[in-house]
Protein backbone atom coordinates (compact mmCIF):
# COMPACT_ATOMS: atom_id res chain seq x y z
CA MET A 1 161.60 -64.67 -84.38
CA VAL A 2 158.42 -63.60 -82.61
CA ARG A 3 156.02 -60.98 -83.85
CA ILE A 4 152.99 -59.31 -82.26
CA HIS A 5 150.02 -58.28 -84.39
CA LYS A 6 147.51 -55.74 -83.12
CA ILE A 7 144.23 -56.09 -84.96
CA SER A 8 141.20 -53.83 -84.49
CA PHE A 9 137.94 -54.51 -86.31
CA TYR A 10 134.18 -54.23 -86.13
CA ALA A 11 132.16 -57.47 -86.03
CA ILE A 12 128.44 -57.41 -86.84
CA ASP A 13 126.32 -59.94 -84.93
CA HIS A 14 123.42 -60.17 -87.42
CA SER A 15 121.56 -62.81 -85.42
CA ASP A 16 122.09 -61.25 -81.98
CA ASP A 17 123.74 -64.50 -80.85
CA PHE A 18 126.18 -62.95 -78.38
CA ASP A 19 125.38 -61.13 -75.14
CA SER A 20 128.64 -59.19 -75.05
CA ALA A 21 131.77 -58.37 -77.02
CA GLU A 22 133.63 -60.70 -74.67
CA ASP A 23 131.33 -63.58 -75.65
CA TYR A 24 131.93 -62.83 -79.32
CA PHE A 25 135.68 -62.66 -78.81
CA TYR A 26 136.02 -65.89 -76.88
CA GLU A 27 133.69 -67.80 -79.23
CA ASN A 28 135.09 -66.53 -82.54
CA ILE A 29 138.56 -65.07 -82.07
CA ASP A 30 140.20 -66.70 -79.09
CA GLY A 31 139.51 -70.16 -80.52
CA LEU A 32 141.58 -69.37 -83.62
CA LYS A 33 144.91 -69.51 -81.85
CA TYR A 34 147.51 -71.42 -83.80
CA GLY A 35 150.56 -71.78 -81.63
CA GLY A 36 150.12 -68.42 -79.94
CA PHE A 37 147.66 -66.75 -77.64
CA THR A 38 145.38 -63.73 -77.76
CA VAL A 39 145.08 -61.02 -75.13
CA PRO A 40 142.03 -58.78 -75.50
CA THR A 41 142.88 -55.23 -74.50
CA GLU A 42 139.58 -53.50 -75.12
CA LEU A 43 136.23 -55.12 -75.86
CA LYS A 44 133.16 -52.91 -76.30
CA MET A 45 129.61 -53.58 -77.42
CA GLY A 46 127.52 -51.12 -79.39
CA ASN A 47 123.81 -50.41 -79.07
CA GLU A 48 121.28 -52.44 -81.05
CA PHE A 49 119.93 -51.08 -84.33
CA GLU A 50 117.81 -52.31 -87.23
CA PHE A 51 120.03 -53.86 -89.90
CA ASP A 52 119.15 -53.52 -93.56
CA ASP A 53 121.04 -54.93 -96.56
CA GLY A 54 121.17 -51.43 -98.05
CA LEU A 55 123.18 -49.93 -95.16
CA VAL A 56 126.55 -48.51 -96.11
CA ILE A 57 128.22 -50.73 -93.46
CA ASN A 58 127.12 -53.77 -95.48
CA GLN A 59 129.48 -52.78 -98.30
CA ILE A 60 133.01 -54.15 -98.64
CA ASP A 61 134.60 -50.73 -99.18
CA CYS A 62 132.89 -49.08 -96.20
CA SER A 63 135.02 -46.58 -94.28
CA LEU A 64 135.69 -46.77 -90.55
CA ASP A 65 133.87 -43.45 -90.15
CA GLU A 66 130.67 -45.11 -91.35
CA TYR A 67 131.05 -47.93 -88.81
CA ASP A 68 131.68 -45.32 -86.10
CA LYS A 69 128.29 -43.74 -86.90
CA TYR A 70 126.52 -46.97 -86.00
CA PHE A 71 128.72 -47.87 -83.05
CA LYS A 72 127.80 -46.21 -79.77
CA THR A 73 129.28 -47.71 -76.64
CA ARG A 74 126.88 -49.02 -74.03
CA VAL A 75 127.30 -47.30 -70.71
């Protein structure tokens, strides 16, 4: 049997190592294929902001609404 998994998540690039969401995807996600393949449907990159360890998005139980506050799509 074959199964498709759709996974959406936020990834924080603390070191500003990647120029785009596509770069992050192909470096970190696409390389994890184990007998399957990945097809990115929507890759967006948010604006830069100052990260602090005390931010609510640095907590394990952070809600998606909190991530949405920090994520603004580049135009």
